[in-house]
Amino acid sequence: MQSAQTFRRGRAIAFLERLDIKRSTLMQQLNQPEYDAIKQVLSGELKATDAIMQEFIHAFELREVMLEQDAKRDREEVKDESN
């Protein structure tokens, strides 16, 4: 049986992963010319998302989760560059 703490941690990690997807989407949109008209808005949303992620990581002690996600993102970028 899963403890309540483990369950809550799992939900916190899932939420952090959703924030990371939102962050990736915002980064992609910032680099697309069709979004030039709202670039400042996107930049503000990106900064806010980053701040929320950092607060969340600190509050739930999820530093290792972000290190794993960063490593995964780095591997994907290397894979994309080689194609």
PDB file of N, CA and C in Angstrom:
ATOM      1  N   MET A   1       0.839  -1.177   0.000  1.00  0.00           N
ATOM      2  CA  MET A   1       0.000   0.000   0.000  1.00  0.00           C
ATOM      3  C   MET A   1       0.892   1.250   0.000  1.00  0.00           C
ATOM      4  N   GLN A   2       0.492   2.193  -0.770  1.00  0.00           N
ATOM      5  CA  GLN A   2       1.259   3.430  -0.912  1.00  0.00           C
ATOM      6  C   GLN A   2       0.925   4.385   0.231  1.00  0.00           C
ATOM      7  N   SER A   3       1.956   4.957   0.821  1.00  0.00           N
ATOM      8  CA  SER A   3       1.700   5.900   1.912  1.00  0.00           C
ATOM      9  C   SER A   3       1.143   7.208   1.358  1.00  0.00           C
ATOM     10  N   ALA A   4       0.481   7.957   2.212  1.00  0.00           N
ATOM     11  CA  ALA A   4      -0.095   9.243   1.799  1.00  0.00           C
ATOM     12  C   ALA A   4       0.995  10.197   1.335  1.00  0.00           C
ATOM     13  N   GLN A   5       2.135  10.154   2.006  1.00  0.00           N
ATOM     14  CA  GLN A   5       3.233  11.047   1.631  1.00  0.00           C
ATOM     15  C   GLN A   5       3.750  10.709   0.235  1.00  0.00           C
ATOM     16  N   THR A   6       3.894   9.419  -0.073  1.00  0.00           N
ATOM     17  CA  THR A   6       4.356   8.999  -1.394  1.00  0.00           C
ATOM     18  C   THR A   6       3.343   9.402  -2.459  1.00  0.00           C
ATOM     19  N   PHE A   7       2.054   9.246  -2.154  1.00  0.00           N
ATOM     20  CA  PHE A   7       1.003   9.629  -3.092  1.00  0.00           C
ATOM     21  C   PHE A   7       1.055  11.125  -3.380  1.00  0.00           C
ATOM     22  N   ARG A   8       1.175  11.933  -2.321  1.00  0.00           N
ATOM     23  CA  ARG A   8       1.246  13.391  -2.504  1.00  0.00           C
ATOM     24  C   ARG A   8       2.487  13.773  -3.301  1.00  0.00           C
ATOM     25  N   ARG A   9       3.600  13.125  -3.016  1.00  0.00           N
ATOM     26  CA  ARG A   9       4.834  13.408  -3.756  1.00  0.00           C
ATOM     27  C   ARG A   9       4.644  13.075  -5.237  1.00  0.00           C
ATOM     28  N   GLY A  10       3.984  11.966  -5.515  1.00  0.00           N
ATOM     29  CA  GLY A  10       3.714  11.586  -6.903  1.00  0.00           C
ATOM     30  C   GLY A  10       2.865  12.626  -7.615  1.00  0.00           C
ATOM     31  N   ARG A  11       1.869  13.138  -6.931  1.00  0.00           N
ATOM     32  CA  ARG A  11       1.018  14.181  -7.524  1.00  0.00           C
ATOM     33  C   ARG A  11       1.805  15.466  -7.729  1.00  0.00           C
ATOM     34  N   ALA A  12       2.686  15.792  -6.782  1.00  0.00           N
ATOM     35  CA  ALA A  12       3.522  16.991  -6.916  1.00  0.00           C
ATOM     36  C   ALA A  12       4.448  16.854  -8.120  1.00  0.00           C
ATOM     37  N   ILE A  13       5.026  15.673  -8.303  1.00  0.00           N
ATOM     38  CA  ILE A  13       5.914  15.442  -9.443  1.00  0.00           C
ATOM     39  C   ILE A  13       5.137  15.544 -10.745  1.00  0.00           C
ATOM     40  N   ALA A  14       3.932  14.981 -10.789  1.00  0.00           N
ATOM     41  CA  ALA A  14       3.108  15.054 -11.998  1.00  0.00           C
ATOM     42  C   ALA A  14       2.779  16.508 -12.338  1.00  0.00           C
ATOM     43  N   PHE A  15       2.461  17.307 -11.327  1.00  0.00           N
ATOM     44  CA  PHE A  15       2.163  18.721 -11.561  1.00  0.00           C
ATOM     45  C   PHE A  15       3.399  19.449 -12.068  1.00  0.00           C
ATOM     46  N   LEU A  16       4.554  19.151 -11.496  1.00  0.00           N
ATOM     47  CA  LEU A  16       5.799  19.770 -11.935  1.00  0.00           C
ATOM     48  C   LEU A  16       6.106  19.398 -13.386  1.00  0.00           C
ATOM     49  N   GLU A  17       5.818  18.167 -13.762  1.00  0.00           N
ATOM     50  CA  GLU A  17       6.023  17.741 -15.150  1.00  0.00           C
ATOM     51  C   GLU A  17       5.115  18.517 -16.093  1.00  0.00           C
ATOM     52  N   ARG A  18       3.876  18.775 -15.685  1.00  0.00           N
ATOM     53  CA  ARG A  18       2.967  19.579 -16.518  1.00  0.00           C
ATOM     54  C   ARG A  18       3.488  21.003 -16.661  1.00  0.00           C
ATOM     55  N   LEU A  19       4.015  21.562 -15.574  1.00  0.00           N
ATOM     56  CA  LEU A  19       4.610  22.900 -15.656  1.00  0.00           C
ATOM     57  C   LEU A  19       5.806  22.904 -16.608  1.00  0.00           C
ATOM     58  N   ASP A  20       6.588  21.838 -16.584  1.00  0.00           N
ATOM     59  CA  ASP A  20       7.750  21.750 -17.464  1.00  0.00           C
ATOM     60  C   ASP A  20       7.321  21.682 -18.928  1.00  0.00           C
ATOM     61  N   ILE A  21       6.234  20.992 -19.214  1.00  0.00           N
ATOM     62  CA  ILE A  21       5.704  20.944 -20.581  1.00  0.00           C
ATOM     63  C   ILE A  21       5.240  22.335 -21.005  1.00  0.00           C
ATOM     64  N   LYS A  22       4.550  23.037 -20.111  1.00  0.00           N
ATOM     65  CA  LYS A  22       4.108  24.411 -20.407  1.00  0.00           C
ATOM     66  C   LYS A  22       5.319  25.292 -20.694  1.00  0.00           C
ATOM     67  N   ARG A  23       6.370  25.140 -19.890  1.00  0.00           N
ATOM     68  CA  ARG A  23       7.594  25.921 -20.073  1.00  0.00           C
ATOM     69  C   ARG A  23       8.214  25.637 -21.446  1.00  0.00           C
ATOM     70  N   SER A  24       8.281  24.368 -21.830  1.00  0.00           N
ATOM     71  CA  SER A  24       8.836  23.991 -23.133  1.00  0.00           C
ATOM     72  C   SER A  24       8.020  24.585 -24.275  1.00  0.00           C
ATOM     73  N   THR A  25       6.705  24.561 -24.128  1.00  0.00           N
ATOM     74  CA  THR A  25       5.825  25.137 -25.147  1.00  0.00           C
ATOM     75  C   THR A  25       6.067  26.637 -25.282  1.00  0.00           C
ATOM     76  N   LEU A  26       6.174  27.328 -24.155  1.00  0.00           N
ATOM     77  CA  LEU A  26       6.440  28.771 -24.189  1.00  0.00           C
ATOM     78  C   LEU A  26       7.781  29.065 -24.861  1.00  0.00           C
ATOM     79  N   MET A  27       8.797  28.252 -24.569  1.00  0.00           N
ATOM     80  CA  MET A  27      10.114  28.442 -25.187  1.00  0.00           C
ATOM     81  C   MET A  27      10.022  28.283 -26.709  1.00  0.00           C
ATOM     82  N   GLN A  28       9.288  27.276 -27.159  1.00  0.00           N
ATOM     83  CA  GLN A  28       9.114  27.057 -28.593  1.00  0.00           C
ATOM     84  C   GLN A  28       8.394  28.236 -29.230  1.00  0.00           C
ATOM     85  N   GLN A  29       7.349  28.718 -28.579  1.00  0.00           N
ATOM     86  CA  GLN A  29       6.585  29.832 -29.121  1.00  0.00           C
ATOM     87  C   GLN A  29       7.424  31.100 -29.205  1.00  0.00           C
ATOM     88  N   LEU A  30       8.314  31.307 -28.246  1.00  0.00           N
ATOM     89  CA  LEU A  30       9.185  32.489 -28.283  1.00  0.00           C
ATOM     90  C   LEU A  30      10.088  32.492 -29.507  1.00  0.00           C
ATOM     91  N   ASN A  31      10.396  31.316 -30.019  1.00  0.00           N
ATOM     92  CA  ASN A  31      11.295  31.202 -31.164  1.00  0.00           C
ATOM     93  C   ASN A  31      10.567  31.117 -32.501  1.00  0.00           C
ATOM     94  N   GLN A  32       9.256  31.268 -32.501  1.00  0.00           N
ATOM     95  CA  GLN A  32       8.485  31.185 -33.736  1.00  0.00           C
ATOM     96  C   GLN A  32       8.012  32.577 -34.147  1.00  0.00           C
ATOM     97  N   PRO A  33       8.286  32.957 -35.400  1.00  0.00           N
ATOM     98  CA  PRO A  33       7.963  34.319 -35.844  1.00  0.00           C
ATOM     99  C   PRO A  33       6.476  34.667 -35.777  1.00  0.00           C
ATOM    100  N   GLU A  34       5.597  33.687 -35.876  1.00  0.00           N
ATOM    101  CA  GLU A  34       4.163  33.999 -35.840  1.00  0.00           C
ATOM    102  C   GLU A  34       3.704  34.493 -34.467  1.00  0.00           C
ATOM    103  N   TYR A  35       4.556  34.351 -33.467  1.00  0.00           N
ATOM    104  CA  TYR A  35       4.235  34.828 -32.121  1.00  0.00           C
ATOM    105  C   TYR A  35       4.958  36.124 -31.763  1.00  0.00           C
ATOM    106  N   ASP A  36       5.581  36.764 -32.739  1.00  0.00           N
ATOM    107  CA  ASP A  36       6.327  37.997 -32.466  1.00  0.00           C
ATOM    108  C   ASP A  36       5.460  39.081 -31.821  1.00  0.00           C
ATOM    109  N   ALA A  37       4.195  39.156 -32.221  1.00  0.00           N
ATOM    110  CA  ALA A  37       3.308  40.205 -31.704  1.00  0.00           C
ATOM    111  C   ALA A  37       3.051  40.064 -30.200  1.00  0.00           C
ATOM    112  N   ILE A  38       3.163  38.846 -29.685  1.00  0.00           N
ATOM    113  CA  ILE A  38       2.904  38.634 -28.256  1.00  0.00           C
ATOM    114  C   ILE A  38       4.153  38.127 -27.527  1.00  0.00           C
ATOM    115  N   LYS A  39       5.299  38.423 -28.078  1.00  0.00           N
ATOM    116  CA  LYS A  39       6.555  37.940 -27.496  1.00  0.00           C
ATOM    117  C   LYS A  39       6.729  38.390 -26.040  1.00  0.00           C
ATOM    118  N   GLN A  40       6.353  39.634 -25.733  1.00  0.00           N
ATOM    119  CA  GLN A  40       6.489  40.122 -24.354  1.00  0.00           C
ATOM    120  C   GLN A  40       5.578  39.353 -23.396  1.00  0.00           C
ATOM    121  N   VAL A  41       4.379  39.039 -23.847  1.00  0.00           N
ATOM    122  CA  VAL A  41       3.443  38.272 -23.023  1.00  0.00           C
ATOM    123  C   VAL A  41       4.008  36.874 -22.769  1.00  0.00           C
ATOM    124  N   LEU A  42       4.500  36.236 -23.839  1.00  0.00           N
ATOM    125  CA  LEU A  42       5.080  34.904 -23.701  1.00  0.00           C
ATOM    126  C   LEU A  42       6.281  34.915 -22.761  1.00  0.00           C
ATOM    127  N   SER A  43       7.100  35.944 -22.889  1.00  0.00           N
ATOM    128  CA  SER A  43       8.272  36.071 -22.025  1.00  0.00           C
ATOM    129  C   SER A  43       7.852  36.211 -20.560  1.00  0.00           C
ATOM    130  N   GLY A  44       6.824  36.998 -20.318  1.00  0.00           N
ATOM    131  CA  GLY A  44       6.306  37.155 -18.960  1.00  0.00           C
ATOM    132  C   GLY A  44       5.751  35.851 -18.410  1.00  0.00           C
ATOM    133  N   GLU A  45       5.027  35.111 -19.253  1.00  0.00           N
ATOM    134  CA  GLU A  45       4.490  33.820 -18.822  1.00  0.00           C
ATOM    135  C   GLU A  45       5.620  32.840 -18.529  1.00  0.00           C
ATOM    136  N   LEU A  46       6.665  32.888 -19.339  1.00  0.00           N
ATOM    137  CA  LEU A  46       7.812  32.006 -19.125  1.00  0.00           C
ATOM    138  C   LEU A  46       8.490  32.314 -17.791  1.00  0.00           C
ATOM    139  N   LYS A  47       8.687  33.596 -17.513  1.00  0.00           N
ATOM    140  CA  LYS A  47       9.306  33.985 -16.238  1.00  0.00           C
ATOM    141  C   LYS A  47       8.434  33.564 -15.057  1.00  0.00           C
ATOM    142  N   ALA A  48       7.130  33.748 -15.186  1.00  0.00           N
ATOM    143  CA  ALA A  48       6.214  33.355 -14.111  1.00  0.00           C
ATOM    144  C   ALA A  48       6.225  31.840 -13.914  1.00  0.00           C
ATOM    145  N   THR A  49       6.226  31.096 -15.009  1.00  0.00           N
ATOM    146  CA  THR A  49       6.267  29.637 -14.926  1.00  0.00           C
ATOM    147  C   THR A  49       7.554  29.169 -14.266  1.00  0.00           C
ATOM    148  N   ASP A  50       8.680  29.781 -14.654  1.00  0.00           N
ATOM    149  CA  ASP A  50       9.963  29.441 -14.028  1.00  0.00           C
ATOM    150  C   ASP A  50       9.927  29.704 -12.523  1.00  0.00           C
ATOM    151  N   ALA A  51       9.356  30.839 -12.130  1.00  0.00           N
ATOM    152  CA  ALA A  51       9.284  31.184 -10.705  1.00  0.00           C
ATOM    153  C   ALA A  51       8.418  30.180  -9.945  1.00  0.00           C
ATOM    154  N   ILE A  52       7.282  29.824 -10.527  1.00  0.00           N
ATOM    155  CA  ILE A  52       6.393  28.851  -9.887  1.00  0.00           C
ATOM    156  C   ILE A  52       7.097  27.506  -9.749  1.00  0.00           C
ATOM    157  N   MET A  53       7.794  27.094 -10.806  1.00  0.00           N
ATOM    158  CA  MET A  53       8.508  25.819 -10.756  1.00  0.00           C
ATOM    159  C   MET A  53       9.564  25.819  -9.653  1.00  0.00           C
ATOM    160  N   GLN A  54      10.312  26.903  -9.547  1.00  0.00           N
ATOM    161  CA  GLN A  54      11.355  26.969  -8.523  1.00  0.00           C
ATOM    162  C   GLN A  54      10.758  26.934  -7.114  1.00  0.00           C
ATOM    163  N   GLU A  55       9.661  27.655  -6.909  1.00  0.00           N
ATOM    164  CA  GLU A  55       8.997  27.640  -5.602  1.00  0.00           C
ATOM    165  C   GLU A  55       8.464  26.244  -5.278  1.00  0.00           C
ATOM    166  N   PHE A  56       7.902  25.607  -6.279  1.00  0.00           N
ATOM    167  CA  PHE A  56       7.336  24.275  -6.109  1.00  0.00           C
ATOM    168  C   PHE A  56       8.433  23.263  -5.781  1.00  0.00           C
ATOM    169  N   ILE A  57       9.546  23.349  -6.505  1.00  0.00           N
ATOM    170  CA  ILE A  57      10.682  22.454  -6.259  1.00  0.00           C
ATOM    171  C   ILE A  57      11.176  22.620  -4.827  1.00  0.00           C
ATOM    172  N   HIS A  58      11.290  23.855  -4.398  1.00  0.00           N
ATOM    173  CA  HIS A  58      11.757  24.119  -3.034  1.00  0.00           C
ATOM    174  C   HIS A  58      10.747  23.628  -1.989  1.00  0.00           C
ATOM    175  N   ALA A  59       9.485  23.921  -2.205  1.00  0.00           N
ATOM    176  CA  ALA A  59       8.456  23.566  -1.225  1.00  0.00           C
ATOM    177  C   ALA A  59       8.317  22.055  -1.056  1.00  0.00           C
ATOM    178  N   PHE A  60       8.439  21.315  -2.151  1.00  0.00           N
ATOM    179  CA  PHE A  60       8.243  19.866  -2.099  1.00  0.00           C
ATOM    180  C   PHE A  60       9.550  19.081  -2.167  1.00  0.00           C
ATOM    181  N   GLU A  61      10.669  19.807  -2.102  1.00  0.00           N
ATOM    182  CA  GLU A  61      11.993  19.179  -2.122  1.00  0.00           C
ATOM    183  C   GLU A  61      12.138  18.227  -3.306  1.00  0.00           C
ATOM    184  N   LEU A  62      11.928  18.766  -4.499  1.00  0.00           N
ATOM    185  CA  LEU A  62      11.935  17.969  -5.729  1.00  0.00           C
ATOM    186  C   LEU A  62      13.160  18.236  -6.600  1.00  0.00           C
ATOM    187  N   ARG A  63      14.246  18.667  -6.007  1.00  0.00           N
ATOM    188  CA  ARG A  63      15.441  19.019  -6.772  1.00  0.00           C
ATOM    189  C   ARG A  63      15.889  17.882  -7.701  1.00  0.00           C
ATOM    190  N   GLU A  64      15.888  16.631  -7.207  1.00  0.00           N
ATOM    191  CA  GLU A  64      16.372  15.511  -8.018  1.00  0.00           C
ATOM    192  C   GLU A  64      15.483  15.264  -9.230  1.00  0.00           C
ATOM    193  N   VAL A  65      14.196  15.555  -9.109  1.00  0.00           N
ATOM    194  CA  VAL A  65      13.279  15.383 -10.234  1.00  0.00           C
ATOM    195  C   VAL A  65      13.661  16.331 -11.363  1.00  0.00           C
ATOM    196  N   MET A  66      13.951  17.579 -11.026  1.00  0.00           N
ATOM    197  CA  MET A  66      14.331  18.546 -12.054  1.00  0.00           C
ATOM    198  C   MET A  66      15.676  18.192 -12.671  1.00  0.00           C
ATOM    199  N   LEU A  67      16.596  17.657 -11.897  1.00  0.00           N
ATOM    200  CA  LEU A  67      17.878  17.239 -12.459  1.00  0.00           C
ATOM    201  C   LEU A  67      17.672  16.128 -13.481  1.00  0.00           C
ATOM    202  N   GLU A  68      16.768  15.197 -13.191  1.00  0.00           N
ATOM    203  CA  GLU A  68      16.451  14.125 -14.134  1.00  0.00           C
ATOM    204  C   GLU A  68      15.805  14.690 -15.397  1.00  0.00           C
ATOM    205  N   GLN A  69      14.881  15.644 -15.245  1.00  0.00           N
ATOM    206  CA  GLN A  69      14.222  16.241 -16.402  1.00  0.00           C
ATOM    207  C   GLN A  69      15.212  17.026 -17.248  1.00  0.00           C
ATOM    208  N   ASP A  70      16.138  17.741 -16.610  1.00  0.00           N
ATOM    209  CA  ASP A  70      17.161  18.482 -17.348  1.00  0.00           C
ATOM    210  C   ASP A  70      18.040  17.530 -18.149  1.00  0.00           C
ATOM    211  N   ALA A  71      18.420  16.407 -17.550  1.00  0.00           N
ATOM    212  CA  ALA A  71      19.247  15.423 -18.246  1.00  0.00           C
ATOM    213  C   ALA A  71      18.485  14.838 -19.430  1.00  0.00           C
ATOM    214  N   LYS A  72      17.202  14.556 -19.250  1.00  0.00           N
ATOM    215  CA  LYS A  72      16.374  14.028 -20.334  1.00  0.00           C
ATOM    216  C   LYS A  72      16.263  15.048 -21.461  1.00  0.00           C
ATOM    217  N   ARG A  73      16.035  16.317 -21.116  1.00  0.00           N
ATOM    218  CA  ARG A  73      15.925  17.377 -22.114  1.00  0.00           C
ATOM    219  C   ARG A  73      17.239  17.521 -22.889  1.00  0.00           C
ATOM    220  N   ASP A  74      18.369  17.436 -22.186  1.00  0.00           N
ATOM    221  CA  ASP A  74      19.672  17.526 -22.848  1.00  0.00           C
ATOM    222  C   ASP A  74      19.860  16.383 -23.838  1.00  0.00           C
ATOM    223  N   ARG A  75      19.458  15.167 -23.444  1.00  0.00           N
ATOM    224  CA  ARG A  75      19.575  14.019 -24.356  1.00  0.00           C
ATOM    225  C   ARG A  75      18.698  14.225 -25.585  1.00  0.00           C
ATOM    226  N   GLU A  76      17.492  14.752 -25.402  1.00  0.00           N
ATOM    227  CA  GLU A  76      16.588  14.984 -26.527  1.00  0.00           C
ATOM    228  C   GLU A  76      17.140  16.049 -27.462  1.00  0.00           C
ATOM    229  N   GLU A  77      17.756  17.091 -26.909  1.00  0.00           N
ATOM    230  CA  GLU A  77      18.340  18.146 -27.737  1.00  0.00           C
ATOM    231  C   GLU A  77      19.493  17.604 -28.567  1.00  0.00           C
ATOM    232  N   VAL A  78      20.328  16.761 -27.982  1.00  0.00           N
ATOM    233  CA  VAL A  78      21.442  16.156 -28.716  1.00  0.00           C
ATOM    234  C   VAL A  78      20.898  15.264 -29.820  1.00  0.00           C
ATOM    235  N   LYS A  79      19.847  14.511 -29.511  1.00  0.00           N
ATOM    236  CA  LYS A  79      19.214  13.632 -30.493  1.00  0.00           C
ATOM    237  C   LYS A  79      18.645  14.454 -31.648  1.00  0.00           C
ATOM    238  N   ASP A  80      17.956  15.557 -31.341  1.00  0.00           N
ATOM    239  CA  ASP A  80      17.378  16.419 -32.371  1.00  0.00           C
ATOM    240  C   ASP A  80      18.454  17.049 -33.242  1.00  0.00           C
ATOM    241  N   GLU A  81      19.564  17.447 -32.645  1.00  0.00           N
ATOM    242  CA  GLU A  81      20.645  18.079 -33.396  1.00  0.00           C
ATOM    243  C   GLU A  81      21.323  17.102 -34.337  1.00  0.00           C
ATOM    244  N   SER A  82      21.322  15.812 -33.996  1.00  0.00           N
ATOM    245  CA  SER A  82      21.985  14.822 -34.839  1.00  0.00           C
ATOM    246  C   SER A  82      21.119  14.411 -36.019  1.00  0.00           C
ATOM    247  N   ASN A  83      19.832  14.753 -36.005  1.00  0.00           N
ATOM    248  CA  ASN A  83      18.926  14.394 -37.120  1.00  0.00           C
ATOM    249  C   ASN A  83      18.956  15.403 -38.204  1.00  0.00           C
TER     250      ASN A  83
END
